[in-house]
């Protein structure tokens, strides 16, 4: 019996496969054999926000796990799920909001792709990495990350009541913010309005490029050139 294995449950096992001549691998937190089917559970310490809104990254990740597990064990994977430990869960919010998680630990069923779609996705991702390696080897260039991959936050304009710190409204453009400030101002006469709110410009950022998310940000020319 391998380390981390108990009866039909196996924990933290690394699995491998060769795709387009490259070896790929991943460590699965837990999988369970039930009869002639396999169930994958991935554990994550995360925020409530993550479980209230769909995260495509989780769908992609667990379907790659399903690909590797089925390739190695020759047994069909029938269910993949996340066990989310919610670090910022609030009991009061759980009582007030119908869409808020009821408990600080939540299980989330993840859509399971067909094996054909899993194979297609894995091959596409390996091809992306191989093309990037070729570009670097031949031309000493890196493939640039997209705005989506960098978790880009666009510039914002916040309308803030004088004396307050919290924004009253936040806009994607300055003109809308200016219009609201005008509407909220005290009308002294036809041409003069006393502003009760200020506008604060909030510059956008590449959230994933921050060092706590990206281990190579300090060495990345795309990030450092911004």
C-alpha atoms as a PDB file:
ATOM      1  CA  UNK A   1       0.000   0.000   0.000  1.00  0.00           C
ATOM      2  CA  UNK A   2       1.420   3.383  -1.019  1.00  0.00           C
ATOM      3  CA  UNK A   3       1.928   6.333   1.340  1.00  0.00           C
ATOM      4  CA  UNK A   4      -1.325   8.245   1.805  1.00  0.00           C
ATOM      5  CA  UNK A   5      -3.439   5.291   0.668  1.00  0.00           C
ATOM      6  CA  UNK A   6      -6.237   3.879   2.818  1.00  0.00           C
ATOM      7  CA  UNK A   7      -8.529   1.162   1.484  1.00  0.00           C
ATOM      8  CA  UNK A   8     -10.014   2.668  -1.687  1.00  0.00           C
ATOM      9  CA  UNK A   9      -8.851   6.255  -1.088  1.00  0.00           C
ATOM     10  CA  UNK A  10      -5.493   7.451  -2.394  1.00  0.00           C
ATOM     11  CA  UNK A  11      -4.030  10.822  -1.422  1.00  0.00           C
ATOM     12  CA  UNK A  12      -1.356  13.029  -2.995  1.00  0.00           C
ATOM     13  CA  UNK A  13      -0.282  10.677  -5.737  1.00  0.00           C
ATOM     14  CA  UNK A  14       1.690  12.046  -8.686  1.00  0.00           C
ATOM     15  CA  UNK A  15       0.693  10.710 -12.098  1.00  0.00           C
ATOM     16  CA  UNK A  16       2.481  10.992 -15.451  1.00  0.00           C
ATOM     17  CA  UNK A  17       1.813  10.803 -19.170  1.00  0.00           C
ATOM     18  CA  UNK A  18       3.679  11.578 -22.383  1.00  0.00           C
ATOM     19  CA  UNK A  19       2.011  14.028 -24.767  1.00  0.00           C
ATOM     20  CA  UNK A  20       3.571  15.112 -28.068  1.00  0.00           C
ATOM     21  CA  UNK A  21       6.910  13.767 -26.838  1.00  0.00           C
ATOM     22  CA  UNK A  22       6.852  15.717 -23.553  1.00  0.00           C
ATOM     23  CA  UNK A  23       6.292  14.204 -20.144  1.00  0.00           C
ATOM     24  CA  UNK A  24       3.521  15.871 -18.133  1.00  0.00           C
ATOM     25  CA  UNK A  25       2.585  15.208 -14.534  1.00  0.00           C
ATOM     26  CA  UNK A  26       0.343  16.358 -11.724  1.00  0.00           C
ATOM     27  CA  UNK A  27      -0.233  15.465  -8.078  1.00  0.00           C
ATOM     28  CA  UNK A  28      -3.868  14.741  -7.240  1.00  0.00           C
ATOM     29  CA  UNK A  29      -4.978  15.580  -3.697  1.00  0.00           C
ATOM     30  CA  UNK A  30      -7.334  12.618  -3.443  1.00  0.00           C
ATOM     31  CA  UNK A  31      -9.120  10.061  -5.561  1.00  0.00           C
ATOM     32  CA  UNK A  32     -11.456   7.306  -4.485  1.00  0.00           C
ATOM     33  CA  UNK A  33     -12.322   4.023  -6.158  1.00  0.00           C
ATOM     34  CA  UNK A  34     -16.034   3.224  -5.877  1.00  0.00           C
ATOM     35  CA  UNK A  35     -16.824  -0.030  -7.580  1.00  0.00           C
ATOM     36  CA  UNK A  36     -15.439   0.403 -11.076  1.00  0.00           C
ATOM     37  CA  UNK A  37     -15.480   4.221 -11.029  1.00  0.00           C
ATOM     38  CA  UNK A  38     -13.071   6.914  -9.818  1.00  0.00           C
ATOM     39  CA  UNK A  39     -13.941  10.138  -7.984  1.00  0.00           C
ATOM     40  CA  UNK A  40     -11.470  13.025  -7.701  1.00  0.00           C
ATOM     41  CA  UNK A  41     -11.489  15.570  -4.858  1.00  0.00           C
ATOM     42  CA  UNK A  42      -9.226  18.609  -4.871  1.00  0.00           C
ATOM     43  CA  UNK A  43      -8.814  20.629  -1.664  1.00  0.00           C
ATOM     44  CA  UNK A  44      -8.465  24.411  -1.774  1.00  0.00           C
ATOM     45  CA  UNK A  45      -8.201  27.101   0.892  1.00  0.00           C
ATOM     46  CA  UNK A  46      -9.916  29.987  -0.852  1.00  0.00           C
ATOM     47  CA  UNK A  47     -12.335  32.894  -0.547  1.00  0.00           C
ATOM     48  CA  UNK A  48     -16.121  32.876  -0.522  1.00  0.00           C
ATOM     49  CA  UNK A  49     -16.014  34.869  -3.768  1.00  0.00           C
ATOM     50  CA  UNK A  50     -14.322  31.942  -5.512  1.00  0.00           C
ATOM     51  CA  UNK A  51     -17.193  29.554  -4.859  1.00  0.00           C
ATOM     52  CA  UNK A  52     -19.942  32.095  -5.592  1.00  0.00           C
ATOM     53  CA  UNK A  53     -18.654  32.691  -9.118  1.00  0.00           C
ATOM     54  CA  UNK A  54     -17.477  30.142 -11.675  1.00  0.00           C
ATOM     55  CA  UNK A  55     -13.720  29.657 -11.947  1.00  0.00           C
ATOM     56  CA  UNK A  56     -12.717  28.219 -15.303  1.00  0.00           C
ATOM     57  CA  UNK A  57      -9.229  27.507 -13.950  1.00  0.00           C
ATOM     58  CA  UNK A  58     -10.695  24.920 -11.588  1.00  0.00           C
ATOM     59  CA  UNK A  59     -12.626  23.265 -14.412  1.00  0.00           C
ATOM     60  CA  UNK A  60      -9.484  23.056 -16.547  1.00  0.00           C
ATOM     61  CA  UNK A  61      -7.309  21.795 -13.684  1.00  0.00           C
ATOM     62  CA  UNK A  62      -9.593  19.008 -12.528  1.00  0.00           C
ATOM     63  CA  UNK A  63     -10.263  17.805 -16.049  1.00  0.00           C
ATOM     64  CA  UNK A  64      -6.503  17.452 -16.564  1.00  0.00           C
ATOM     65  CA  UNK A  65      -6.447  15.400 -13.351  1.00  0.00           C
ATOM     66  CA  UNK A  66      -9.245  13.252 -14.768  1.00  0.00           C
ATOM     67  CA  UNK A  67      -7.269  12.807 -17.977  1.00  0.00           C
ATOM     68  CA  UNK A  68      -4.142  11.654 -16.137  1.00  0.00           C
ATOM     69  CA  UNK A  69      -5.980   9.394 -13.710  1.00  0.00           C
ATOM     70  CA  UNK A  70      -7.970   7.630 -16.406  1.00  0.00           C
ATOM     71  CA  UNK A  71      -4.863   7.250 -18.571  1.00  0.00           C
ATOM     72  CA  UNK A  72      -2.911   5.668 -15.699  1.00  0.00           C
ATOM     73  CA  UNK A  73      -5.571   3.545 -14.009  1.00  0.00           C
ATOM     74  CA  UNK A  74      -7.632   2.543 -17.073  1.00  0.00           C
ATOM     75  CA  UNK A  75     -10.759   3.103 -14.973  1.00  0.00           C
ATOM     76  CA  UNK A  76     -13.351   5.769 -15.871  1.00  0.00           C
ATOM     77  CA  UNK A  77     -13.502   8.971 -13.825  1.00  0.00           C
ATOM     78  CA  UNK A  78     -17.167   9.772 -13.191  1.00  0.00           C
ATOM     79  CA  UNK A  79     -17.033  12.709 -10.771  1.00  0.00           C
ATOM     80  CA  UNK A  80     -14.639  15.587 -10.046  1.00  0.00           C
ATOM     81  CA  UNK A  81     -15.168  18.082  -7.236  1.00  0.00           C
ATOM     82  CA  UNK A  82     -13.582  20.780  -5.116  1.00  0.00           C
ATOM     83  CA  UNK A  83     -13.583  20.762  -1.325  1.00  0.00           C
ATOM     84  CA  UNK A  84     -13.290  24.498  -0.632  1.00  0.00           C
ATOM     85  CA  UNK A  85     -12.222  25.691   2.832  1.00  0.00           C
ATOM     86  CA  UNK A  86     -13.489  29.276   2.993  1.00  0.00           C
ATOM     87  CA  UNK A  87     -11.055  31.418   4.952  1.00  0.00           C
ATOM     88  CA  UNK A  88     -13.300  34.506   4.954  1.00  0.00           C
ATOM     89  CA  UNK A  89     -16.662  32.804   5.578  1.00  0.00           C
ATOM     90  CA  UNK A  90     -19.069  34.880   7.683  1.00  0.00           C
ATOM     91  CA  UNK A  91     -21.944  33.366   9.658  1.00  0.00           C
ATOM     92  CA  UNK A  92     -24.058  36.523   9.457  1.00  0.00           C
ATOM     93  CA  UNK A  93     -23.709  36.777   5.680  1.00  0.00           C
ATOM     94  CA  UNK A  94     -24.694  33.120   5.370  1.00  0.00           C
ATOM     95  CA  UNK A  95     -27.983  33.909   7.114  1.00  0.00           C
ATOM     96  CA  UNK A  96     -28.703  37.058   5.115  1.00  0.00           C
ATOM     97  CA  UNK A  97     -27.747  36.108   1.555  1.00  0.00           C
ATOM     98  CA  UNK A  98     -29.461  33.187  -0.210  1.00  0.00           C
ATOM     99  CA  UNK A  99     -26.546  32.614  -2.605  1.00  0.00           C
ATOM    100  CA  UNK A 100     -23.905  32.738   0.162  1.00  0.00           C
ATOM    101  CA  UNK A 101     -22.308  29.388   1.203  1.00  0.00           C
ATOM    102  CA  UNK A 102     -24.125  27.890   4.184  1.00  0.00           C
ATOM    103  CA  UNK A 103     -20.964  26.469   5.783  1.00  0.00           C
ATOM    104  CA  UNK A 104     -17.235  27.350   5.924  1.00  0.00           C
ATOM    105  CA  UNK A 105     -16.482  24.142   4.011  1.00  0.00           C
ATOM    106  CA  UNK A 106     -18.207  23.692   0.653  1.00  0.00           C
ATOM    107  CA  UNK A 107     -18.160  20.890  -1.911  1.00  0.00           C
ATOM    108  CA  UNK A 108     -18.433  22.029  -5.520  1.00  0.00           C
ATOM    109  CA  UNK A 109     -19.147  19.642  -8.375  1.00  0.00           C
ATOM    110  CA  UNK A 110     -17.011  20.458 -11.412  1.00  0.00           C
ATOM    111  CA  UNK A 111     -18.244  19.744 -14.971  1.00  0.00           C
ATOM    112  CA  UNK A 112     -16.525  16.625 -16.294  1.00  0.00           C
ATOM    113  CA  UNK A 113     -15.536  16.764 -19.953  1.00  0.00           C
ATOM    114  CA  UNK A 114     -15.580  13.772 -22.249  1.00  0.00           C
ATOM    115  CA  UNK A 115     -12.248  11.996 -22.603  1.00  0.00           C
ATOM    116  CA  UNK A 116     -12.078  13.306 -26.175  1.00  0.00           C
ATOM    117  CA  UNK A 117     -12.317  16.904 -24.924  1.00  0.00           C
ATOM    118  CA  UNK A 118      -9.763  16.270 -22.176  1.00  0.00           C
ATOM    119  CA  UNK A 119      -7.285  14.878 -24.703  1.00  0.00           C
ATOM    120  CA  UNK A 120      -7.884  17.872 -26.981  1.00  0.00           C
ATOM    121  CA  UNK A 121      -7.293  20.372 -24.156  1.00  0.00           C
ATOM    122  CA  UNK A 122      -4.125  18.667 -22.886  1.00  0.00           C
ATOM    123  CA  UNK A 123      -2.678  18.529 -26.400  1.00  0.00           C
ATOM    124  CA  UNK A 124      -3.497  22.193 -26.966  1.00  0.00           C
ATOM    125  CA  UNK A 125      -1.760  23.245 -23.758  1.00  0.00           C
ATOM    126  CA  UNK A 126       1.343  21.162 -24.478  1.00  0.00           C
ATOM    127  CA  UNK A 127       1.484  22.676 -27.971  1.00  0.00           C
ATOM    128  CA  UNK A 128       1.349  26.186 -26.485  1.00  0.00           C
ATOM    129  CA  UNK A 129       4.342  25.400 -24.273  1.00  0.00           C
ATOM    130  CA  UNK A 130       6.269  23.750 -27.085  1.00  0.00           C
ATOM    131  CA  UNK A 131       5.698  26.746 -29.367  1.00  0.00           C
ATOM    132  CA  UNK A 132       6.886  29.057 -26.584  1.00  0.00           C
ATOM    133  CA  UNK A 133      10.035  26.972 -26.104  1.00  0.00           C
ATOM    134  CA  UNK A 134      10.747  27.041 -29.841  1.00  0.00           C
ATOM    135  CA  UNK A 135      10.268  30.816 -30.003  1.00  0.00           C
ATOM    136  CA  UNK A 136      12.742  31.302 -27.164  1.00  0.00           C
ATOM    137  CA  UNK A 137      15.291  28.842 -28.543  1.00  0.00           C
ATOM    138  CA  UNK A 138      15.207  30.299 -32.067  1.00  0.00           C
ATOM    139  CA  UNK A 139      14.592  33.994 -31.458  1.00  0.00           C
ATOM    140  CA  UNK A 140      15.317  34.523 -27.760  1.00  0.00           C
ATOM    141  CA  UNK A 141      11.778  35.838 -27.265  1.00  0.00           C
ATOM    142  CA  UNK A 142       9.002  35.026 -24.826  1.00  0.00           C
ATOM    143  CA  UNK A 143       5.326  34.594 -25.649  1.00  0.00           C
ATOM    144  CA  UNK A 144       3.468  37.464 -24.023  1.00  0.00           C
ATOM    145  CA  UNK A 145       0.671  36.755 -21.553  1.00  0.00           C
ATOM    146  CA  UNK A 146      -2.820  37.969 -22.460  1.00  0.00           C
ATOM    147  CA  UNK A 147      -4.768  40.437 -20.325  1.00  0.00           C
ATOM    148  CA  UNK A 148      -7.011  37.581 -19.228  1.00  0.00           C
ATOM    149  CA  UNK A 149      -4.042  35.476 -18.172  1.00  0.00           C
ATOM    150  CA  UNK A 150      -2.675  38.433 -16.226  1.00  0.00           C
ATOM    151  CA  UNK A 151      -5.999  39.009 -14.395  1.00  0.00           C
ATOM    152  CA  UNK A 152      -6.062  42.574 -15.678  1.00  0.00           C
ATOM    153  CA  UNK A 153      -7.983  45.216 -13.764  1.00  0.00           C
ATOM    154  CA  UNK A 154      -8.873  48.234 -15.902  1.00  0.00           C
ATOM    155  CA  UNK A 155      -8.558  51.875 -14.862  1.00  0.00           C
ATOM    156  CA  UNK A 156     -11.446  53.082 -12.687  1.00  0.00           C
ATOM    157  CA  UNK A 157     -12.835  56.421 -11.504  1.00  0.00           C
ATOM    158  CA  UNK A 158     -14.351  56.415  -8.013  1.00  0.00           C
ATOM    159  CA  UNK A 159     -16.876  58.997  -6.813  1.00  0.00           C
ATOM    160  CA  UNK A 160     -16.284  59.636  -3.103  1.00  0.00           C
ATOM    161  CA  UNK A 161     -18.289  61.879  -0.805  1.00  0.00           C
ATOM    162  CA  UNK A 162     -16.116  64.541   0.803  1.00  0.00           C
ATOM    163  CA  UNK A 163     -14.882  63.326   4.176  1.00  0.00           C
ATOM    164  CA  UNK A 164     -15.475  59.666   3.353  1.00  0.00           C
ATOM    165  CA  UNK A 165     -12.973  57.028   2.302  1.00  0.00           C
ATOM    166  CA  UNK A 166     -15.330  54.485   0.748  1.00  0.00           C
ATOM    167  CA  UNK A 167     -16.464  55.027  -2.827  1.00  0.00           C
ATOM    168  CA  UNK A 168     -20.089  55.937  -3.476  1.00  0.00           C
ATOM    169  CA  UNK A 169     -19.892  54.644  -7.078  1.00  0.00           C
ATOM    170  CA  UNK A 170     -17.097  53.396  -9.316  1.00  0.00           C
ATOM    171  CA  UNK A 171     -17.049  53.953 -13.093  1.00  0.00           C
ATOM    172  CA  UNK A 172     -15.101  52.658 -16.067  1.00  0.00           C
ATOM    173  CA  UNK A 173     -14.672  56.155 -17.525  1.00  0.00           C
ATOM    174  CA  UNK A 174     -14.113  59.652 -16.170  1.00  0.00           C
ATOM    175  CA  UNK A 175     -17.070  61.297 -17.916  1.00  0.00           C
ATOM    176  CA  UNK A 176     -19.648  59.122 -16.118  1.00  0.00           C
ATOM    177  CA  UNK A 177     -17.975  59.978 -12.814  1.00  0.00           C
ATOM    178  CA  UNK A 178     -18.042  63.682 -13.642  1.00  0.00           C
ATOM    179  CA  UNK A 179     -21.728  63.488 -14.558  1.00  0.00           C
ATOM    180  CA  UNK A 180     -22.623  61.865 -11.237  1.00  0.00           C
ATOM    181  CA  UNK A 181     -20.613  64.421  -9.253  1.00  0.00           C
ATOM    182  CA  UNK A 182     -22.533  67.161 -11.052  1.00  0.00           C
ATOM    183  CA  UNK A 183     -25.889  65.506 -10.319  1.00  0.00           C
ATOM    184  CA  UNK A 184     -25.002  65.107  -6.631  1.00  0.00           C
ATOM    185  CA  UNK A 185     -23.740  68.665  -6.160  1.00  0.00           C
ATOM    186  CA  UNK A 186     -25.717  71.429  -4.434  1.00  0.00           C
ATOM    187  CA  UNK A 187     -27.279  73.720  -7.009  1.00  0.00           C
ATOM    188  CA  UNK A 188     -26.563  77.308  -6.025  1.00  0.00           C
ATOM    189  CA  UNK A 189     -27.843  78.904  -9.228  1.00  0.00           C
ATOM    190  CA  UNK A 190     -28.184  77.978 -12.869  1.00  0.00           C
ATOM    191  CA  UNK A 191     -24.453  78.039 -13.546  1.00  0.00           C
ATOM    192  CA  UNK A 192     -22.865  77.341 -10.141  1.00  0.00           C
ATOM    193  CA  UNK A 193     -22.880  74.014  -8.339  1.00  0.00           C
ATOM    194  CA  UNK A 194     -21.112  73.184  -5.079  1.00  0.00           C
ATOM    195  CA  UNK A 195     -19.391  69.821  -5.370  1.00  0.00           C
ATOM    196  CA  UNK A 196     -20.093  67.431  -2.494  1.00  0.00           C
ATOM    197  CA  UNK A 197     -18.055  64.594  -3.988  1.00  0.00           C
ATOM    198  CA  UNK A 198     -14.567  64.127  -5.358  1.00  0.00           C
ATOM    199  CA  UNK A 199     -13.277  61.855  -8.095  1.00  0.00           C
ATOM    200  CA  UNK A 200     -10.428  59.464  -7.346  1.00  0.00           C
ATOM    201  CA  UNK A 201      -8.561  57.867 -10.239  1.00  0.00           C
ATOM    202  CA  UNK A 202      -7.653  54.241  -9.606  1.00  0.00           C
ATOM    203  CA  UNK A 203      -5.052  52.975 -12.021  1.00  0.00           C
ATOM    204  CA  UNK A 204      -5.556  49.463 -13.338  1.00  0.00           C
ATOM    205  CA  UNK A 205      -3.100  46.691 -12.582  1.00  0.00           C
ATOM    206  CA  UNK A 206      -2.084  43.208 -13.619  1.00  0.00           C
ATOM    207  CA  UNK A 207      -3.111  41.281 -10.521  1.00  0.00           C
ATOM    208  CA  UNK A 208      -1.502  37.975 -11.421  1.00  0.00           C
ATOM    209  CA  UNK A 209       1.833  39.632 -12.177  1.00  0.00           C
ATOM    210  CA  UNK A 210       2.279  40.548  -8.539  1.00  0.00           C
ATOM    211  CA  UNK A 211       5.051  38.528  -6.927  1.00  0.00           C
ATOM    212  CA  UNK A 212       2.695  36.645  -4.620  1.00  0.00           C
ATOM    213  CA  UNK A 213       0.925  35.146  -7.658  1.00  0.00           C
ATOM    214  CA  UNK A 214       3.690  34.911 -10.237  1.00  0.00           C
ATOM    215  CA  UNK A 215       7.044  33.515  -9.163  1.00  0.00           C
ATOM    216  CA  UNK A 216       8.910  35.016 -12.149  1.00  0.00           C
ATOM    217  CA  UNK A 217       7.391  38.519 -12.174  1.00  0.00           C
ATOM    218  CA  UNK A 218      10.656  40.086 -10.995  1.00  0.00           C
ATOM    219  CA  UNK A 219      12.425  38.709 -14.092  1.00  0.00           C
ATOM    220  CA  UNK A 220       9.607  39.221 -16.615  1.00  0.00           C
ATOM    221  CA  UNK A 221      10.242  41.953 -19.196  1.00  0.00           C
ATOM    222  CA  UNK A 222       6.522  42.221 -20.025  1.00  0.00           C
ATOM    223  CA  UNK A 223       5.722  43.039 -16.404  1.00  0.00           C
ATOM    224  CA  UNK A 224       8.709  45.291 -15.768  1.00  0.00           C
ATOM    225  CA  UNK A 225       8.216  47.292 -18.975  1.00  0.00           C
ATOM    226  CA  UNK A 226       4.708  48.413 -17.945  1.00  0.00           C
END
